[in-house]
Amino acid sequence: MYLLVGLIAALCYLNGIQGDFVHDDIPAITLNKDVLGHGPVAQVFRNDFWGTPMADLSSHKSYRPLTTLTFR
């Protein structure tokens, strides 16, 4: 039963595997230095979701270090 549910869930998203990044994926994933690994892992805990330092006035203050580490 669990295998069947898992298989159906995987099939629902199968067509999205070959898709491109869109909308906010580009700055949050493909341009984010924290995700790309261009700095130390500790920076993930000092920056917001978009890779901007939390102390910066232009920061969105969206703090999601676990998500950023997952993308990394």
N, C-alpha and C. Protein backbone atom coordinates (compact mmCIF):
# COMPACT_ATOMS: atom_id res chain seq x y z
N MET A 1 0.81 -1.19 0.00
CA MET A 1 0.00 0.00 0.00
C MET A 1 0.86 1.27 0.00
N TYR A 2 1.88 1.30 0.88
CA TYR A 2 2.76 2.46 0.97
C TYR A 2 3.56 2.64 -0.32
N LEU A 3 3.97 1.54 -0.88
CA LEU A 3 4.72 1.59 -2.13
C LEU A 3 3.85 2.15 -3.25
N LEU A 4 2.60 1.76 -3.31
CA LEU A 4 1.68 2.26 -4.32
C LEU A 4 1.47 3.76 -4.17
N VAL A 5 1.28 4.24 -2.96
CA VAL A 5 1.10 5.67 -2.71
C VAL A 5 2.36 6.44 -3.11
N GLY A 6 3.52 5.91 -2.75
CA GLY A 6 4.79 6.54 -3.13
C GLY A 6 4.98 6.58 -4.63
N LEU A 7 4.62 5.52 -5.30
CA LEU A 7 4.75 5.45 -6.76
C LEU A 7 3.83 6.46 -7.44
N ILE A 8 2.62 6.57 -6.98
CA ILE A 8 1.67 7.54 -7.55
C ILE A 8 2.16 8.97 -7.31
N ALA A 9 2.68 9.24 -6.12
CA ALA A 9 3.22 10.58 -5.84
C ALA A 9 4.41 10.89 -6.74
N ALA A 10 5.29 9.93 -6.96
CA ALA A 10 6.45 10.15 -7.83
C ALA A 10 6.01 10.38 -9.27
N LEU A 11 5.02 9.65 -9.72
CA LEU A 11 4.53 9.81 -11.10
C LEU A 11 3.92 11.19 -11.33
N CYS A 12 3.31 11.75 -10.31
CA CYS A 12 2.70 13.07 -10.45
C CYS A 12 3.75 14.15 -10.75
N TYR A 13 4.95 14.00 -10.23
CA TYR A 13 5.99 15.01 -10.39
C TYR A 13 7.07 14.60 -11.39
N LEU A 14 6.93 13.49 -12.03
CA LEU A 14 7.93 12.98 -12.95
C LEU A 14 8.21 13.94 -14.10
N ASN A 15 7.18 14.60 -14.61
CA ASN A 15 7.38 15.50 -15.74
C ASN A 15 8.13 16.77 -15.36
N GLY A 16 8.28 17.07 -14.09
CA GLY A 16 8.98 18.27 -13.66
C GLY A 16 10.48 18.09 -13.48
N ILE A 17 10.96 16.88 -13.57
CA ILE A 17 12.38 16.62 -13.35
C ILE A 17 13.26 17.33 -14.38
N GLN A 18 12.83 17.38 -15.61
CA GLN A 18 13.61 18.01 -16.68
C GLN A 18 13.33 19.50 -16.82
N GLY A 19 12.51 20.08 -15.94
CA GLY A 19 12.15 21.49 -16.03
C GLY A 19 13.28 22.42 -15.61
N ASP A 20 13.16 23.67 -16.03
CA ASP A 20 14.15 24.69 -15.69
C ASP A 20 13.74 25.41 -14.41
N PHE A 21 14.68 26.16 -13.84
CA PHE A 21 14.36 27.01 -12.71
C PHE A 21 13.57 28.21 -13.21
N VAL A 22 12.60 28.65 -12.45
CA VAL A 22 11.77 29.79 -12.83
C VAL A 22 11.59 30.74 -11.65
N HIS A 23 11.14 31.93 -11.95
CA HIS A 23 10.76 32.97 -10.98
C HIS A 23 11.87 33.20 -9.95
N ASP A 24 11.59 32.96 -8.69
CA ASP A 24 12.56 33.25 -7.64
C ASP A 24 13.62 32.16 -7.47
N ASP A 25 13.53 31.08 -8.25
CA ASP A 25 14.54 30.02 -8.17
C ASP A 25 15.91 30.53 -8.63
N ILE A 26 15.90 31.44 -9.58
CA ILE A 26 17.17 31.92 -10.14
C ILE A 26 17.99 32.66 -9.09
N PRO A 27 17.46 33.70 -8.41
CA PRO A 27 18.30 34.33 -7.38
C PRO A 27 18.47 33.48 -6.12
N ALA A 28 17.49 32.64 -5.80
CA ALA A 28 17.57 31.87 -4.55
C ALA A 28 18.47 30.65 -4.66
N ILE A 29 18.61 30.09 -5.86
CA ILE A 29 19.39 28.86 -6.02
C ILE A 29 20.58 29.04 -6.96
N THR A 30 20.34 29.48 -8.17
CA THR A 30 21.42 29.50 -9.16
C THR A 30 22.40 30.65 -8.98
N LEU A 31 22.01 31.72 -8.28
CA LEU A 31 22.90 32.86 -8.07
C LEU A 31 23.33 33.03 -6.61
N ASN A 32 22.80 32.23 -5.72
CA ASN A 32 23.07 32.36 -4.29
C ASN A 32 24.42 31.73 -3.96
N LYS A 33 25.34 32.55 -3.45
CA LYS A 33 26.69 32.07 -3.14
C LYS A 33 26.68 31.02 -2.03
N ASP A 34 25.70 31.11 -1.12
CA ASP A 34 25.61 30.11 -0.05
C ASP A 34 25.23 28.75 -0.61
N VAL A 35 24.36 28.72 -1.59
CA VAL A 35 23.93 27.46 -2.21
C VAL A 35 25.04 26.90 -3.10
N LEU A 36 25.73 27.78 -3.81
CA LEU A 36 26.77 27.33 -4.73
C LEU A 36 28.04 26.88 -4.03
N GLY A 37 28.17 27.17 -2.74
CA GLY A 37 29.35 26.74 -1.98
C GLY A 37 30.55 27.63 -2.16
N HIS A 38 30.34 28.92 -2.50
CA HIS A 38 31.46 29.84 -2.70
C HIS A 38 31.98 30.43 -1.40
N GLY A 39 31.41 30.03 -0.30
CA GLY A 39 31.85 30.53 1.00
C GLY A 39 31.75 29.42 2.02
N PRO A 40 32.15 29.73 3.25
CA PRO A 40 32.06 28.72 4.30
C PRO A 40 30.60 28.41 4.65
N VAL A 41 30.37 27.21 5.15
CA VAL A 41 29.03 26.78 5.51
C VAL A 41 28.44 27.68 6.60
N ALA A 42 29.27 28.25 7.44
CA ALA A 42 28.78 29.12 8.52
C ALA A 42 28.05 30.34 7.98
N GLN A 43 28.35 30.77 6.76
CA GLN A 43 27.67 31.92 6.16
C GLN A 43 26.18 31.65 5.98
N VAL A 44 25.80 30.41 5.81
CA VAL A 44 24.39 30.06 5.65
C VAL A 44 23.59 30.52 6.87
N PHE A 45 24.21 30.48 8.04
CA PHE A 45 23.53 30.85 9.28
C PHE A 45 23.57 32.35 9.54
N ARG A 46 24.34 33.09 8.75
CA ARG A 46 24.43 34.54 8.90
C ARG A 46 23.67 35.30 7.82
N ASN A 47 23.31 34.60 6.76
CA ASN A 47 22.64 35.25 5.63
C ASN A 47 21.17 34.85 5.57
N ASP A 48 20.40 35.66 4.83
CA ASP A 48 19.00 35.30 4.63
C ASP A 48 18.88 34.27 3.51
N PHE A 49 17.67 33.92 3.16
CA PHE A 49 17.41 32.90 2.14
C PHE A 49 18.02 33.24 0.79
N TRP A 50 18.18 34.52 0.50
CA TRP A 50 18.67 34.98 -0.80
C TRP A 50 20.18 35.15 -0.81
N GLY A 51 20.87 34.93 0.32
CA GLY A 51 22.31 35.04 0.38
C GLY A 51 22.80 36.41 0.81
N THR A 52 21.90 37.28 1.23
CA THR A 52 22.26 38.62 1.69
C THR A 52 22.46 38.58 3.20
N PRO A 53 23.50 39.23 3.71
CA PRO A 53 23.69 39.24 5.17
C PRO A 53 22.46 39.80 5.88
N MET A 54 22.08 39.16 6.99
CA MET A 54 20.89 39.57 7.73
C MET A 54 20.99 41.01 8.24
N ALA A 55 22.19 41.48 8.52
CA ALA A 55 22.37 42.84 9.03
C ALA A 55 22.22 43.90 7.93
N ASP A 56 22.27 43.48 6.69
CA ASP A 56 22.17 44.42 5.56
C ASP A 56 20.76 44.99 5.48
N LEU A 57 20.66 46.28 5.16
CA LEU A 57 19.34 46.92 5.06
C LEU A 57 18.51 46.37 3.92
N SER A 58 19.16 45.82 2.89
CA SER A 58 18.42 45.28 1.74
C SER A 58 17.99 43.82 1.95
N SER A 59 18.31 43.25 3.12
CA SER A 59 17.93 41.87 3.41
C SER A 59 16.42 41.76 3.58
N HIS A 60 15.86 40.67 3.07
CA HIS A 60 14.43 40.41 3.23
C HIS A 60 14.12 39.82 4.60
N LYS A 61 15.14 39.48 5.35
CA LYS A 61 15.02 38.88 6.69
C LYS A 61 14.29 37.54 6.67
N SER A 62 14.33 36.87 5.53
CA SER A 62 13.73 35.53 5.43
C SER A 62 14.81 34.51 5.76
N TYR A 63 14.82 34.07 6.99
CA TYR A 63 15.87 33.20 7.52
C TYR A 63 15.45 31.74 7.37
N ARG A 64 16.07 31.02 6.44
CA ARG A 64 15.76 29.60 6.20
C ARG A 64 17.04 28.80 6.01
N PRO A 65 17.86 28.66 7.03
CA PRO A 65 19.14 27.98 6.86
C PRO A 65 19.02 26.51 6.48
N LEU A 66 18.03 25.81 6.99
CA LEU A 66 17.88 24.39 6.65
C LEU A 66 17.57 24.21 5.16
N THR A 67 16.70 25.07 4.64
CA THR A 67 16.38 25.02 3.22
C THR A 67 17.61 25.33 2.38
N THR A 68 18.36 26.36 2.77
CA THR A 68 19.57 26.73 2.03
C THR A 68 20.59 25.61 2.07
N LEU A 69 20.76 24.97 3.22
CA LEU A 69 21.69 23.84 3.32
C LEU A 69 21.23 22.67 2.44
N THR A 70 19.93 22.46 2.35
CA THR A 70 19.41 21.40 1.50
C THR A 70 19.72 21.67 0.03
N PHE A 71 19.56 22.93 -0.38
CA PHE A 71 19.88 23.30 -1.77
C PHE A 71 21.38 23.18 -2.02
N ARG A 72 22.17 23.50 -1.02
CA ARG A 72 23.63 23.43 -1.18
C ARG A 72 24.07 22.02 -1.45
